[in-house]
Amino acid sequence: MVWVAMAARNSGGLGQDPFGRAAPDFELPLLGGAEAGGWDLPSGGGDDGKAATLALSDLRGKPVVLNFWASWCGPCKDEAPILAAAEPRWRQQGVLFLGVDSKDTEKDALAFEARYGIEYRSVVDQSGALANEYGVFGFPETFFIDADGVIRAKHVGPIDAETLETYVASIVG
């Protein structure tokens, strides 16, 4: 019965083997809005270039570490300091870390980012539809997307520093 539910949940999504496939595009609201911290937003969201939403396709040309998380997720709390510590160095090398906060309240999500020193941007997947599209079965899960928008690796569960470094290095061209 559980397998049937999981298969139905995954229909139309990436499934179990996303490697070498184009990362599904999305456009979602930014956690904290356009004024939230993090790397500069792509132009196009208004006269000042600030947008309240972000599309993955706007980041094409840059490697992306896409991390699905939630403030209520225990393992997410374990990996958050590791991601927060690694992101500034990789940003200098052109890699963008992007969080996908799922099924959460904005207040709790912003408090989570502040508590763990997360300075990169996150988008809000309130319904969990994007997590379903990516075939996410639990939190956290992290996808490593190259500059061409192709998924090169996926990590299920909290990531450690060594594994993170290996995967990020693999998407830097």
Foldseek 3Di string as FASTA:
>chain_A
DVVVVLVVLQPQACPDDQAQHFQDKDKFFWQVFQPAFADHAAADQDPVRTHRIHIPVSQQQAKEKEKEAELVDPLCLVQLLLCLVPQVVVVVLRYAYEYEYEQYDSVSVVVSCVVNVRRHIYGYHNPCSSVSRHSNPDPIKIFIAANRRGTHDIDHTRDDNVVVVVSNVVRRD
